[in-house]
Amino acid sequence: MTTPAAVVFDLDGTLCEGTQPEESLYEAAFAATDVEPFGSPGELWAALDGPPEPDPEDERSSLAAGFRRVGAQHGRRGVPADALAAGLIDAVDYSAVAYRAGAEAALAAAREHGPVAVMTNGPARRQRPKVRTLGLDERVDAVVYAGDMERRKPHPEPFARVCRAIETPSETTLYVGDSLENDVAGAHGAGLLAAWCPQHERDPGQYRPEHVFDGPADLDGVV
């Protein structure tokens, strides 16, 4: 198996996790609209069928659709879903993050081995506070914000851009991420090696990443 010459990390869910309680964000949405609360954060995330999209407009629309679905499940009519979505987004503190267990060890191992970068699907306005909180500017050679590009993961262009930024060929660059659909499929589609580093699941299904990690620290056995 090819030994990678460089490592690129996803950000959310791979290197870091949010520290702001989901309950407080959910409550803030209702407090901003004076709507009697219904449902729960878990019901909202389930109604979204995945996390909100990184594009600001898509994010609001996605959250609003989720609130409408949860409202319908609780027999609520005329839910001001757009206002609830805006209230939740306004309450988010994007700097409230911490390293996932083993992530700092993974960064150190990658750093000793070769070029290191971060490529995230979120826009800079949302992701840069996380980068500052984690001190990533001093730990990696490049940060690419695919959310500000015309195309985001799993499109090949963000992967090509990050490889250009660290001046390494795609075929010897390893992308580490927690999403099969965006990270593994995107990396393979762009010609990179892929390491899947989920938080809970361990079955990649029909995907075939070169590596499946129990946690970010498993990178030490690869580089």
C-alpha atoms as a PDB file:
ATOM      1  CA  MET A   1       0.000   0.000   0.000  1.00  0.00           C
ATOM      2  CA  THR A   2       1.263   3.481  -0.909  1.00  0.00           C
ATOM      3  CA  THR A   3       2.859   5.423   1.932  1.00  0.00           C
ATOM      4  CA  PRO A   4       1.500   8.976   1.770  1.00  0.00           C
ATOM      5  CA  ALA A   5       3.898  11.851   1.200  1.00  0.00           C
ATOM      6  CA  ALA A   6       1.467  14.416   2.618  1.00  0.00           C
ATOM      7  CA  VAL A   7      -1.657  14.463   4.787  1.00  0.00           C
ATOM      8  CA  VAL A   8      -4.753  16.651   4.480  1.00  0.00           C
ATOM      9  CA  PHE A   9      -7.348  16.705   7.243  1.00  0.00           C
ATOM     10  CA  ASP A  10     -11.036  17.498   7.243  1.00  0.00           C
ATOM     11  CA  LEU A  11     -11.951  19.850  10.110  1.00  0.00           C
ATOM     12  CA  ASP A  12     -15.400  19.306  11.667  1.00  0.00           C
ATOM     13  CA  GLY A  13     -15.833  15.862  13.182  1.00  0.00           C
ATOM     14  CA  THR A  14     -12.302  14.826  12.192  1.00  0.00           C
ATOM     15  CA  LEU A  15      -9.907  17.225  13.913  1.00  0.00           C
ATOM     16  CA  CYS A  16     -12.416  19.017  16.128  1.00  0.00           C
ATOM     17  CA  GLU A  17     -15.804  18.871  17.792  1.00  0.00           C
ATOM     18  CA  GLY A  18     -18.129  21.651  18.868  1.00  0.00           C
ATOM     19  CA  THR A  19     -18.324  22.390  22.580  1.00  0.00           C
ATOM     20  CA  GLN A  20     -21.509  24.474  22.507  1.00  0.00           C
ATOM     21  CA  PRO A  21     -24.393  22.365  23.888  1.00  0.00           C
ATOM     22  CA  GLU A  22     -26.942  21.480  21.205  1.00  0.00           C
ATOM     23  CA  GLU A  23     -29.719  22.103  23.721  1.00  0.00           C
ATOM     24  CA  SER A  24     -28.670  25.732  24.170  1.00  0.00           C
ATOM     25  CA  LEU A  25     -28.736  26.357  20.430  1.00  0.00           C
ATOM     26  CA  TYR A  26     -32.154  24.759  20.094  1.00  0.00           C
ATOM     27  CA  GLU A  27     -33.506  26.818  22.984  1.00  0.00           C
ATOM     28  CA  ALA A  28     -32.023  29.996  21.483  1.00  0.00           C
ATOM     29  CA  ALA A  29     -33.986  29.448  18.266  1.00  0.00           C
ATOM     30  CA  PHE A  30     -37.261  29.527  20.175  1.00  0.00           C
ATOM     31  CA  ALA A  31     -36.181  32.365  22.475  1.00  0.00           C
ATOM     32  CA  ALA A  32     -35.470  34.522  19.417  1.00  0.00           C
ATOM     33  CA  THR A  33     -38.999  34.027  18.084  1.00  0.00           C
ATOM     34  CA  ASP A  34     -41.124  33.764  21.248  1.00  0.00           C
ATOM     35  CA  VAL A  35     -42.472  30.469  19.914  1.00  0.00           C
ATOM     36  CA  GLU A  36     -43.487  27.846  22.456  1.00  0.00           C
ATOM     37  CA  PRO A  37     -40.782  25.139  22.205  1.00  0.00           C
ATOM     38  CA  PHE A  38     -41.494  21.784  20.647  1.00  0.00           C
ATOM     39  CA  GLY A  39     -39.313  18.821  19.757  1.00  0.00           C
ATOM     40  CA  SER A  40     -35.633  18.366  20.538  1.00  0.00           C
ATOM     41  CA  PRO A  41     -32.229  18.864  18.904  1.00  0.00           C
ATOM     42  CA  GLY A  42     -32.059  15.153  18.107  1.00  0.00           C
ATOM     43  CA  GLU A  43     -35.364  15.339  16.262  1.00  0.00           C
ATOM     44  CA  LEU A  44     -34.162  18.347  14.292  1.00  0.00           C
ATOM     45  CA  TRP A  45     -30.907  16.688  13.206  1.00  0.00           C
ATOM     46  CA  ALA A  46     -32.833  13.560  12.216  1.00  0.00           C
ATOM     47  CA  ALA A  47     -35.275  15.686  10.217  1.00  0.00           C
ATOM     48  CA  LEU A  48     -32.368  17.284   8.358  1.00  0.00           C
ATOM     49  CA  ASP A  49     -31.090  13.880   7.207  1.00  0.00           C
ATOM     50  CA  GLY A  50     -27.565  15.025   7.997  1.00  0.00           C
ATOM     51  CA  PRO A  51     -25.874  18.254   9.134  1.00  0.00           C
ATOM     52  CA  PRO A  52     -26.871  21.594   7.577  1.00  0.00           C
ATOM     53  CA  GLU A  53     -25.196  22.522   4.329  1.00  0.00           C
ATOM     54  CA  PRO A  54     -22.085  24.746   4.672  1.00  0.00           C
ATOM     55  CA  ASP A  55     -23.424  27.415   2.312  1.00  0.00           C
ATOM     56  CA  PRO A  56     -25.186  30.092   4.432  1.00  0.00           C
ATOM     57  CA  GLU A  57     -28.308  30.226   2.284  1.00  0.00           C
ATOM     58  CA  ASP A  58     -28.573  26.443   2.023  1.00  0.00           C
ATOM     59  CA  GLU A  59     -27.943  26.170   5.752  1.00  0.00           C
ATOM     60  CA  ARG A  60     -30.887  28.406   6.607  1.00  0.00           C
ATOM     61  CA  SER A  61     -33.151  26.639   4.130  1.00  0.00           C
ATOM     62  CA  SER A  62     -32.116  23.229   5.415  1.00  0.00           C
ATOM     63  CA  LEU A  63     -32.705  24.170   9.052  1.00  0.00           C
ATOM     64  CA  ALA A  64     -36.041  25.770   8.220  1.00  0.00           C
ATOM     65  CA  ALA A  65     -37.169  22.606   6.450  1.00  0.00           C
ATOM     66  CA  GLY A  66     -36.094  20.628   9.508  1.00  0.00           C
ATOM     67  CA  PHE A  67     -38.114  22.832  11.856  1.00  0.00           C
ATOM     68  CA  ARG A  68     -41.183  22.439   9.637  1.00  0.00           C
ATOM     69  CA  ARG A  69     -40.856  18.660   9.737  1.00  0.00           C
ATOM     70  CA  VAL A  70     -40.415  18.582  13.500  1.00  0.00           C
ATOM     71  CA  GLY A  71     -43.357  20.964  13.889  1.00  0.00           C
ATOM     72  CA  ALA A  72     -45.535  18.677  11.800  1.00  0.00           C
ATOM     73  CA  GLN A  73     -44.467  15.695  13.903  1.00  0.00           C
ATOM     74  CA  HIS A  74     -45.698  17.565  16.993  1.00  0.00           C
ATOM     75  CA  GLY A  75     -48.954  18.740  15.451  1.00  0.00           C
ATOM     76  CA  ARG A  76     -47.838  22.363  15.125  1.00  0.00           C
ATOM     77  CA  ARG A  77     -49.196  24.476  12.283  1.00  0.00           C
ATOM     78  CA  GLY A  78     -47.861  27.751  10.942  1.00  0.00           C
ATOM     79  CA  VAL A  79     -44.396  27.232  12.403  1.00  0.00           C
ATOM     80  CA  PRO A  80     -42.180  30.311  11.666  1.00  0.00           C
ATOM     81  CA  ALA A  81     -39.455  28.002  10.424  1.00  0.00           C
ATOM     82  CA  ASP A  82     -37.315  30.639   8.720  1.00  0.00           C
ATOM     83  CA  ALA A  83     -37.178  32.719  11.899  1.00  0.00           C
ATOM     84  CA  LEU A  84     -36.351  29.667  14.011  1.00  0.00           C
ATOM     85  CA  ALA A  85     -33.526  28.756  11.628  1.00  0.00           C
ATOM     86  CA  ALA A  86     -32.160  32.306  11.769  1.00  0.00           C
ATOM     87  CA  GLY A  87     -32.354  32.317  15.569  1.00  0.00           C
ATOM     88  CA  LEU A  88     -30.397  29.097  15.819  1.00  0.00           C
ATOM     89  CA  ILE A  89     -27.716  30.268  13.399  1.00  0.00           C
ATOM     90  CA  ASP A  90     -27.341  33.605  15.205  1.00  0.00           C
ATOM     91  CA  ALA A  91     -26.683  31.729  18.460  1.00  0.00           C
ATOM     92  CA  VAL A  92     -23.817  29.649  17.090  1.00  0.00           C
ATOM     93  CA  ASP A  93     -20.362  30.461  18.469  1.00  0.00           C
ATOM     94  CA  TYR A  94     -18.060  29.144  15.757  1.00  0.00           C
ATOM     95  CA  SER A  95     -15.015  29.508  18.000  1.00  0.00           C
ATOM     96  CA  ALA A  96     -16.468  27.040  20.545  1.00  0.00           C
ATOM     97  CA  VAL A  97     -14.527  23.964  19.465  1.00  0.00           C
ATOM     98  CA  ALA A  98     -11.970  21.564  20.917  1.00  0.00           C
ATOM     99  CA  TYR A  99      -9.668  18.972  19.435  1.00  0.00           C
ATOM    100  CA  ARG A 100     -11.106  15.515  18.994  1.00  0.00           C
ATOM    101  CA  ALA A 101      -9.254  12.923  21.115  1.00  0.00           C
ATOM    102  CA  GLY A 102      -6.038  11.951  19.343  1.00  0.00           C
ATOM    103  CA  ALA A 103      -6.196  14.783  16.808  1.00  0.00           C
ATOM    104  CA  GLU A 104      -3.193  16.683  18.147  1.00  0.00           C
ATOM    105  CA  ALA A 105      -1.119  13.492  18.082  1.00  0.00           C
ATOM    106  CA  ALA A 106      -2.217  12.927  14.480  1.00  0.00           C
ATOM    107  CA  LEU A 107      -1.167  16.437  13.496  1.00  0.00           C
ATOM    108  CA  ALA A 108       2.231  15.949  15.122  1.00  0.00           C
ATOM    109  CA  ALA A 109       2.764  12.618  13.353  1.00  0.00           C
ATOM    110  CA  ALA A 110       1.779  14.087   9.997  1.00  0.00           C
ATOM    111  CA  ARG A 111       3.988  17.127  10.583  1.00  0.00           C
ATOM    112  CA  GLU A 112       7.044  14.945  11.195  1.00  0.00           C
ATOM    113  CA  HIS A 113       6.367  13.061   7.981  1.00  0.00           C
ATOM    114  CA  GLY A 114       5.733  15.782   5.404  1.00  0.00           C
ATOM    115  CA  PRO A 115       3.418  18.619   4.323  1.00  0.00           C
ATOM    116  CA  VAL A 116       0.146  18.960   6.227  1.00  0.00           C
ATOM    117  CA  ALA A 117      -3.033  20.849   5.352  1.00  0.00           C
ATOM    118  CA  VAL A 118      -6.663  21.260   6.320  1.00  0.00           C
ATOM    119  CA  MET A 119      -9.462  21.341   3.760  1.00  0.00           C
ATOM    120  CA  THR A 120     -12.965  22.016   5.035  1.00  0.00           C
ATOM    121  CA  ASN A 121     -16.298  22.283   3.255  1.00  0.00           C
ATOM    122  CA  GLY A 122     -17.325  25.288   5.343  1.00  0.00           C
ATOM    123  CA  PRO A 123     -16.771  28.937   4.357  1.00  0.00           C
ATOM    124  CA  ALA A 124     -13.996  30.979   5.960  1.00  0.00           C
ATOM    125  CA  ARG A 125     -16.416  33.209   7.879  1.00  0.00           C
ATOM    126  CA  ARG A 126     -17.546  30.141   9.809  1.00  0.00           C
ATOM    127  CA  GLN A 127     -14.395  28.025   9.851  1.00  0.00           C
ATOM    128  CA  ARG A 128     -11.670  30.595  10.468  1.00  0.00           C
ATOM    129  CA  PRO A 129     -12.721  31.112  14.134  1.00  0.00           C
ATOM    130  CA  LYS A 130     -12.274  27.361  14.636  1.00  0.00           C
ATOM    131  CA  VAL A 131      -8.859  27.454  12.989  1.00  0.00           C
ATOM    132  CA  ARG A 132      -7.826  30.291  15.330  1.00  0.00           C
ATOM    133  CA  THR A 133      -9.156  28.543  18.450  1.00  0.00           C
ATOM    134  CA  LEU A 134      -7.214  25.393  17.565  1.00  0.00           C
ATOM    135  CA  GLY A 135      -4.036  27.258  16.574  1.00  0.00           C
ATOM    136  CA  LEU A 136      -4.002  25.487  13.231  1.00  0.00           C
ATOM    137  CA  ASP A 137      -2.287  28.314  11.373  1.00  0.00           C
ATOM    138  CA  GLU A 138       0.880  27.386  13.275  1.00  0.00           C
ATOM    139  CA  ARG A 139       0.399  23.629  12.857  1.00  0.00           C
ATOM    140  CA  VAL A 140      -0.363  23.198   9.151  1.00  0.00           C
ATOM    141  CA  ASP A 141       1.050  24.463   5.874  1.00  0.00           C
ATOM    142  CA  ALA A 142      -2.261  25.464   4.276  1.00  0.00           C
ATOM    143  CA  VAL A 143      -5.973  25.794   4.996  1.00  0.00           C
ATOM    144  CA  VAL A 144      -8.479  25.581   2.133  1.00  0.00           C
ATOM    145  CA  TYR A 145     -12.069  26.740   2.677  1.00  0.00           C
ATOM    146  CA  ALA A 146     -14.055  24.869   0.038  1.00  0.00           C
ATOM    147  CA  GLY A 147     -17.227  26.636   1.182  1.00  0.00           C
ATOM    148  CA  ASP A 148     -15.945  29.772  -0.534  1.00  0.00           C
ATOM    149  CA  MET A 149     -15.283  27.958  -3.805  1.00  0.00           C
ATOM    150  CA  GLU A 150     -17.712  27.409  -6.651  1.00  0.00           C
ATOM    151  CA  ARG A 151     -17.581  23.670  -5.950  1.00  0.00           C
ATOM    152  CA  ARG A 152     -17.354  21.911  -2.585  1.00  0.00           C
ATOM    153  CA  LYS A 153     -16.561  18.339  -1.550  1.00  0.00           C
ATOM    154  CA  PRO A 154     -17.046  15.791  -3.019  1.00  0.00           C
ATOM    155  CA  HIS A 155     -16.170  17.732  -6.196  1.00  0.00           C
ATOM    156  CA  PRO A 156     -12.502  17.200  -7.175  1.00  0.00           C
ATOM    157  CA  GLU A 157     -11.603  20.912  -7.322  1.00  0.00           C
ATOM    158  CA  PRO A 158     -11.155  21.513  -3.547  1.00  0.00           C
ATOM    159  CA  PHE A 159      -8.892  18.466  -3.377  1.00  0.00           C
ATOM    160  CA  ALA A 160      -6.894  19.664  -6.368  1.00  0.00           C
ATOM    161  CA  ARG A 161      -6.539  23.114  -4.795  1.00  0.00           C
ATOM    162  CA  VAL A 162      -5.209  21.803  -1.500  1.00  0.00           C
ATOM    163  CA  CYS A 163      -2.700  19.581  -3.307  1.00  0.00           C
ATOM    164  CA  ARG A 164      -1.491  22.614  -5.239  1.00  0.00           C
ATOM    165  CA  ALA A 165      -1.236  24.595  -2.007  1.00  0.00           C
ATOM    166  CA  ILE A 166       1.126  22.070  -0.414  1.00  0.00           C
ATOM    167  CA  GLU A 167       2.790  21.153  -3.738  1.00  0.00           C
ATOM    168  CA  THR A 168       2.186  17.413  -3.547  1.00  0.00           C
ATOM    169  CA  PRO A 169       0.730  15.075  -6.193  1.00  0.00           C
ATOM    170  CA  SER A 170      -2.749  13.750  -5.503  1.00  0.00           C
ATOM    171  CA  GLU A 171      -1.725  10.095  -5.783  1.00  0.00           C
ATOM    172  CA  THR A 172       0.604  10.348  -2.769  1.00  0.00           C
ATOM    173  CA  THR A 173      -1.611  12.632  -0.665  1.00  0.00           C
ATOM    174  CA  LEU A 174      -3.803  11.118   2.062  1.00  0.00           C
ATOM    175  CA  TYR A 175      -7.113  12.786   2.931  1.00  0.00           C
ATOM    176  CA  VAL A 176      -8.446  12.044   6.424  1.00  0.00           C
ATOM    177  CA  GLY A 177     -12.152  12.670   7.026  1.00  0.00           C
ATOM    178  CA  ASP A 178     -15.249  11.407   8.787  1.00  0.00           C
ATOM    179  CA  SER A 179     -17.691  11.408   5.841  1.00  0.00           C
ATOM    180  CA  LEU A 180     -17.876   8.542   3.377  1.00  0.00           C
ATOM    181  CA  GLU A 181     -19.926  10.578   0.905  1.00  0.00           C
ATOM    182  CA  ASN A 182     -17.844  13.768   0.964  1.00  0.00           C
ATOM    183  CA  ASP A 183     -14.402  12.754   2.173  1.00  0.00           C
ATOM    184  CA  VAL A 184     -13.785   9.216   0.933  1.00  0.00           C
ATOM    185  CA  ALA A 185     -15.734   9.527  -2.318  1.00  0.00           C
ATOM    186  CA  GLY A 186     -14.348  13.014  -2.904  1.00  0.00           C
ATOM    187  CA  ALA A 187     -10.743  12.009  -2.250  1.00  0.00           C
ATOM    188  CA  HIS A 188     -10.932   8.963  -4.488  1.00  0.00           C
ATOM    189  CA  GLY A 189     -12.674  10.952  -7.211  1.00  0.00           C
ATOM    190  CA  ALA A 190      -9.782  13.422  -7.163  1.00  0.00           C
ATOM    191  CA  GLY A 191      -7.120  10.694  -7.141  1.00  0.00           C
ATOM    192  CA  LEU A 192      -6.107  10.960  -3.463  1.00  0.00           C
ATOM    193  CA  LEU A 193      -5.716   8.218  -0.901  1.00  0.00           C
ATOM    194  CA  ALA A 194      -8.466   8.177   1.733  1.00  0.00           C
ATOM    195  CA  ALA A 195      -8.607   7.434   5.456  1.00  0.00           C
ATOM    196  CA  TRP A 196     -12.066   7.240   6.982  1.00  0.00           C
ATOM    197  CA  CYS A 197     -12.115   8.420  10.599  1.00  0.00           C
ATOM    198  CA  PRO A 198     -15.738   8.238  11.821  1.00  0.00           C
ATOM    199  CA  GLN A 199     -16.870   9.075  15.326  1.00  0.00           C
ATOM    200  CA  HIS A 200     -19.220   6.115  15.748  1.00  0.00           C
ATOM    201  CA  GLU A 201     -19.706   3.864  12.722  1.00  0.00           C
ATOM    202  CA  ARG A 202     -17.018   1.399  11.679  1.00  0.00           C
ATOM    203  CA  ASP A 203     -18.564  -0.182   8.578  1.00  0.00           C
ATOM    204  CA  PRO A 204     -17.723   1.700   5.355  1.00  0.00           C
ATOM    205  CA  GLY A 205     -20.326  -0.273   3.450  1.00  0.00           C
ATOM    206  CA  GLN A 206     -19.598  -0.252  -0.261  1.00  0.00           C
ATOM    207  CA  TYR A 207     -16.886   2.402   0.035  1.00  0.00           C
ATOM    208  CA  ARG A 208     -13.254   1.279   0.022  1.00  0.00           C
ATOM    209  CA  PRO A 209     -11.019   3.747   1.871  1.00  0.00           C
ATOM    210  CA  GLU A 210      -7.391   2.707   2.098  1.00  0.00           C
ATOM    211  CA  HIS A 211      -7.604   3.047   5.889  1.00  0.00           C
ATOM    212  CA  VAL A 212     -10.344   2.961   8.526  1.00  0.00           C
ATOM    213  CA  PHE A 213      -9.316   4.678  11.771  1.00  0.00           C
ATOM    214  CA  ASP A 214     -10.775   4.190  15.219  1.00  0.00           C
ATOM    215  CA  GLY A 215      -9.575   7.741  15.934  1.00  0.00           C
ATOM    216  CA  PRO A 216      -7.225  10.350  14.469  1.00  0.00           C
ATOM    217  CA  ALA A 217      -4.235   8.971  16.404  1.00  0.00           C
ATOM    218  CA  ASP A 218      -4.320   5.863  14.206  1.00  0.00           C
ATOM    219  CA  LEU A 219      -2.592   7.975  11.547  1.00  0.00           C
ATOM    220  CA  ASP A 220       0.686   7.304  13.367  1.00  0.00           C
ATOM    221  CA  GLY A 221       0.614   3.737  12.047  1.00  0.00           C
ATOM    222  CA  VAL A 222       0.252   4.893   8.456  1.00  0.00           C
ATOM    223  CA  VAL A 223       2.811   7.675   7.949  1.00  0.00           C
END
